[in-house]
Each structure stands twice: as structure tokens, then as C-alpha cells.
């Protein structure tokens, strides 16, 4: 793991966890705030450097399921530190499930108690990694609450995803939970 750059004890943006020179909000998080969003206070384990890109390629796109074990304990430890009420992984589309055979996020959560409260509502939302930045930022809501949920009012939701790139995926998910009356939504990602 020498090529993977851990983010703990590094200077990061308090809104998204991006590695930077100061603690002030990065330009992206300032834009999310200007758009009326509550910041997710995303915490990530690693930077999304070349080593992490290669890991994601092998794990997600080639489908090497055993690679989940490399970061499972680190991700689960960060999740436990958050102290949130409900842990919600970002889902994959039915098409991705059929091709890959697993959700890369839930695979790393196997010993963590989580609830699959979101489903992919779009017929084909496509891979975010294949989209340009501007297209990600203007994408339509890809998710729906997947089932009738008991009262979420005042609950603290922790979204979990593999990579925070623009934040669009996580903000779409957060929007649904805020509409359902939750008190706070934060996020944790393996990489930023």
C-alpha cells in the first residue's frame, strides 16, 4: 500500500475531504453552498491518485472481487468514527449489477450494519467515470428511496461511496434524505 496516499492527519477541505493547502472550503464546496446545499463533510481514506485509479479499475471494472479486502477494515473504521444513526451505501444500477455481479461499496461493508434505502431510478445512469465533469454536475436525480421507510425525521444519515469526484452522486442522495426529513447527512468515501 505504499503508493496509496492516506488522508488522515493531512490538510483537507472540510466540505469534501479534498487534499489542499488550507482548511478553507474548496471552490467546489463553495459552489455547492451557493446552490443551497448543506455540505456533506465528506471524509475520505485516500487520495484518488494513480495507484487508487488502478485499484478501482481492477476492482470495479475488471471485477476482481477479492480486492475489496484490501481496504475493508480502513473504511469500516472511518465509518464507525462518524457516530451516525443510519449507514446507507450508494447503490449500483441493475445493469451494473448484472455485468459486475456486485456492488463495490456494499462488498466492503459486509460486517457493518447498513440499510439499502436507495435504488437507482434511471434505466441507465451509466458509469460516472465515463462522464465529463460538467455532465456530472448537471445530471438528473438518479436515485429513489427504495422502500417505505419508517420516520427518518431528525435522523443522521451517513452515505458511503467508493470515490468522491464532483460530489454530484452524494448530493443527489442527500437531497432525497433531506426531503424525507432527516436532520443531517454526511458522507464517507474510500477515495477523494
Protein backbone atom coordinates (compact mmCIF):
# COMPACT_ATOMS: atom_id res chain seq x y z
CA UNK A 1 0.00 0.00 0.00
CA UNK A 2 2.98 2.29 -0.31
CA UNK A 3 1.58 4.02 -3.41
CA UNK A 4 -1.76 4.77 -1.76
CA UNK A 5 -1.77 8.18 -0.08
CA UNK A 6 -3.72 8.25 3.18
CA UNK A 7 -5.61 11.44 4.01
CA UNK A 8 -5.69 11.13 7.79
CA UNK A 9 -3.77 13.94 9.52
CA UNK A 10 -3.50 15.88 6.24
CA UNK A 11 -4.92 19.30 5.42
CA UNK A 12 -8.20 18.76 3.58
CA UNK A 13 -11.31 20.70 2.66
CA UNK A 14 -13.85 20.37 5.48
CA UNK A 15 -16.68 20.03 2.96
CA UNK A 16 -15.44 17.27 0.68
CA UNK A 17 -12.14 15.95 2.03
CA UNK A 18 -10.02 17.13 -0.91
CA UNK A 19 -6.30 17.37 -0.16
CA UNK A 20 -5.27 21.04 -0.24
CA UNK A 21 -3.03 23.65 1.37
CA UNK A 22 -5.62 25.20 3.71
CA UNK A 23 -8.64 24.27 5.79
CA UNK A 24 -10.96 26.68 3.99
CA UNK A 25 -13.68 25.34 1.71
CA UNK A 26 -12.52 24.45 -1.78
CA UNK A 27 -14.09 26.05 -4.85
CA UNK A 28 -16.36 23.03 -5.45
CA UNK A 29 -17.78 23.14 -1.93
CA UNK A 30 -18.32 26.88 -2.17
CA UNK A 31 -20.36 26.22 -5.33
CA UNK A 32 -22.41 23.53 -3.57
CA UNK A 33 -23.16 26.01 -0.78
CA UNK A 34 -24.14 28.70 -3.31
CA UNK A 35 -26.51 26.13 -4.83
CA UNK A 36 -28.22 25.87 -1.43
CA UNK A 37 -26.76 22.51 -0.37
CA UNK A 38 -25.81 21.50 3.15
CA UNK A 39 -22.19 20.37 2.96
CA UNK A 40 -21.65 16.63 3.35
CA UNK A 41 -18.49 16.99 5.44
CA UNK A 42 -17.15 14.07 3.42
CA UNK A 43 -14.25 12.19 4.91
CA UNK A 44 -12.12 10.05 2.64
CA UNK A 45 -9.46 7.49 3.47
CA UNK A 46 -7.15 8.07 0.48
CA UNK A 47 -6.42 10.47 -2.36
CA UNK A 48 -7.62 9.40 -5.78
CA UNK A 49 -4.10 9.08 -7.19
CA UNK A 50 -2.80 6.78 -9.92
CA UNK A 51 -2.48 3.81 -7.56
CA UNK A 52 -6.12 4.22 -6.46
CA UNK A 53 -7.29 4.61 -10.07
CA UNK A 54 -5.58 1.32 -10.93
CA UNK A 55 -7.12 -0.34 -7.88
CA UNK A 56 -10.60 0.88 -8.91
CA UNK A 57 -10.06 -0.32 -12.47
CA UNK A 58 -9.16 -3.80 -11.26
CA UNK A 59 -11.83 -3.93 -8.54
CA UNK A 60 -14.80 -2.30 -10.24
CA UNK A 61 -14.32 -2.59 -13.96
CA UNK A 62 -12.43 -5.87 -14.24
CA UNK A 63 -14.42 -7.27 -11.32
CA UNK A 64 -11.70 -8.64 -9.05
CA UNK A 65 -13.99 -9.07 -6.05
CA UNK A 66 -11.23 -10.19 -3.66
CA UNK A 67 -9.66 -6.71 -3.86
CA UNK A 68 -12.43 -5.50 -1.52
CA UNK A 69 -10.45 -6.97 1.37
CA UNK A 70 -7.57 -4.52 0.95
CA UNK A 71 -9.49 -1.51 2.29
CA UNK A 72 -12.46 -3.02 4.16
CA UNK A 73 -11.06 -2.52 7.68
CA UNK A 74 -9.85 1.04 6.99
CA UNK A 75 -13.21 2.09 5.51
CA UNK A 76 -15.22 0.42 8.27
CA UNK A 77 -13.08 2.08 10.94
CA UNK A 78 -13.73 5.54 9.43
CA UNK A 79 -17.46 4.78 9.29
CA UNK A 80 -17.56 3.82 12.99
CA UNK A 81 -15.87 7.11 13.94
CA UNK A 82 -18.75 9.11 12.45
CA UNK A 83 -21.39 8.18 15.03
CA UNK A 84 -24.33 8.43 12.63
CA UNK A 85 -27.74 6.74 13.05
CA UNK A 86 -28.08 5.01 9.68
CA UNK A 87 -25.39 3.95 7.21
CA UNK A 88 -26.54 3.97 3.58
CA UNK A 89 -24.34 2.70 0.73
CA UNK A 90 -24.68 4.25 -2.72
CA UNK A 91 -26.35 1.65 -4.95
CA UNK A 92 -25.35 0.40 -8.38
CA UNK A 93 -27.77 0.12 -11.28
CA UNK A 94 -29.37 -3.19 -12.24
CA UNK A 95 -27.27 -3.11 -15.42
CA UNK A 96 -24.04 -2.68 -13.43
CA UNK A 97 -25.11 -5.47 -11.07
CA UNK A 98 -25.71 -7.81 -13.99
CA UNK A 99 -22.33 -7.00 -15.56
CA UNK A 100 -20.17 -6.78 -12.42
CA UNK A 101 -22.08 -9.09 -10.12
CA UNK A 102 -21.56 -6.98 -7.01
CA UNK A 103 -21.83 -3.50 -5.53
CA UNK A 104 -18.28 -2.34 -4.82
CA UNK A 105 -19.43 -0.35 -1.78
CA UNK A 106 -21.56 -2.96 -0.01
CA UNK A 107 -18.83 -5.55 -0.61
CA UNK A 108 -16.56 -3.52 1.68
CA UNK A 109 -19.32 -3.18 4.31
CA UNK A 110 -20.05 -6.85 4.91
CA UNK A 111 -19.50 -6.73 8.70
CA UNK A 112 -21.04 -3.24 9.09
CA UNK A 113 -24.73 -2.74 9.78
CA UNK A 114 -26.18 -0.72 6.90
CA UNK A 115 -29.51 -0.16 5.20
CA UNK A 116 -30.04 -0.17 1.45
CA UNK A 117 -32.52 2.70 1.37
CA UNK A 118 -31.66 3.96 -2.12
CA UNK A 119 -32.19 2.42 -5.52
CA UNK A 120 -31.15 3.59 -8.95
CA UNK A 121 -34.26 5.10 -10.57
CA UNK A 122 -32.83 5.83 -14.01
CA UNK A 123 -32.93 2.99 -16.53
CA UNK A 124 -29.27 3.56 -17.40
CA UNK A 125 -27.44 6.16 -15.37
CA UNK A 126 -24.14 4.96 -16.88
CA UNK A 127 -20.77 4.99 -15.19
CA UNK A 128 -19.90 8.33 -13.61
CA UNK A 129 -16.26 7.72 -14.55
CA UNK A 130 -17.23 7.86 -18.23
CA UNK A 131 -18.79 11.32 -17.91
CA UNK A 132 -17.19 14.72 -18.17
CA UNK A 133 -17.16 16.89 -15.05
CA UNK A 134 -19.76 19.35 -16.38
CA UNK A 135 -22.10 16.47 -17.28
CA UNK A 136 -21.81 15.01 -13.78
CA UNK A 137 -22.68 18.32 -12.19
CA UNK A 138 -25.89 18.78 -14.21
CA UNK A 139 -27.05 15.17 -14.12
CA UNK A 140 -30.64 14.47 -13.13
CA UNK A 141 -31.60 12.73 -9.89
CA UNK A 142 -30.58 9.09 -10.43
CA UNK A 143 -31.96 7.72 -7.15
CA UNK A 144 -35.22 6.96 -5.41
CA UNK A 145 -35.92 5.91 -1.86
CA UNK A 146 -36.16 2.17 -2.36
CA UNK A 147 -38.88 1.26 0.09
CA UNK A 148 -41.23 2.63 2.65
CA UNK A 149 -39.07 3.97 5.41
CA UNK A 150 -40.05 4.48 9.00
CA UNK A 151 -39.89 8.04 10.19
CA UNK A 152 -36.49 9.49 9.31
CA UNK A 153 -37.17 12.82 10.92
CA UNK A 154 -34.14 14.07 12.78
CA UNK A 155 -32.02 11.01 11.94
CA UNK A 156 -28.36 11.31 10.98
CA UNK A 157 -27.57 9.53 7.70
CA UNK A 158 -24.07 8.51 6.63
CA UNK A 159 -23.74 7.91 2.89
CA UNK A 160 -20.91 5.61 1.81
CA UNK A 161 -19.39 5.56 -1.66
CA UNK A 162 -16.13 4.45 -3.22
CA UNK A 163 -14.93 7.71 -4.81
CA UNK A 164 -15.91 11.35 -4.34
CA UNK A 165 -15.18 13.10 -7.64
CA UNK A 166 -17.55 16.05 -8.11
CA UNK A 167 -19.90 15.17 -5.27
CA UNK A 168 -22.95 15.04 -7.57
CA UNK A 169 -23.83 11.42 -6.73
CA UNK A 170 -23.67 12.02 -2.99
CA UNK A 171 -25.57 15.32 -3.19
CA UNK A 172 -28.36 13.66 -5.21
CA UNK A 173 -28.67 11.02 -2.49
CA UNK A 174 -28.54 13.63 0.27
CA UNK A 175 -31.33 15.63 -1.40
CA UNK A 176 -33.71 12.65 -1.11
CA UNK A 177 -32.96 12.19 2.56
CA UNK A 178 -33.37 15.86 3.36
CA UNK A 179 -36.74 15.76 1.54
CA UNK A 180 -37.66 12.82 3.80
CA UNK A 181 -36.94 14.96 6.88
CA UNK A 182 -33.57 13.74 8.12
CA UNK A 183 -31.61 16.00 10.43
CA UNK A 184 -28.16 15.61 8.89
CA UNK A 185 -26.44 13.84 6.00
CA UNK A 186 -22.70 13.25 5.88
CA UNK A 187 -20.58 11.02 3.70
CA UNK A 188 -17.55 8.77 3.77
CA UNK A 189 -15.65 7.63 0.71
CA UNK A 190 -12.69 5.37 0.17
CA UNK A 191 -11.04 7.98 -2.05
CA UNK A 192 -11.20 11.71 -2.82
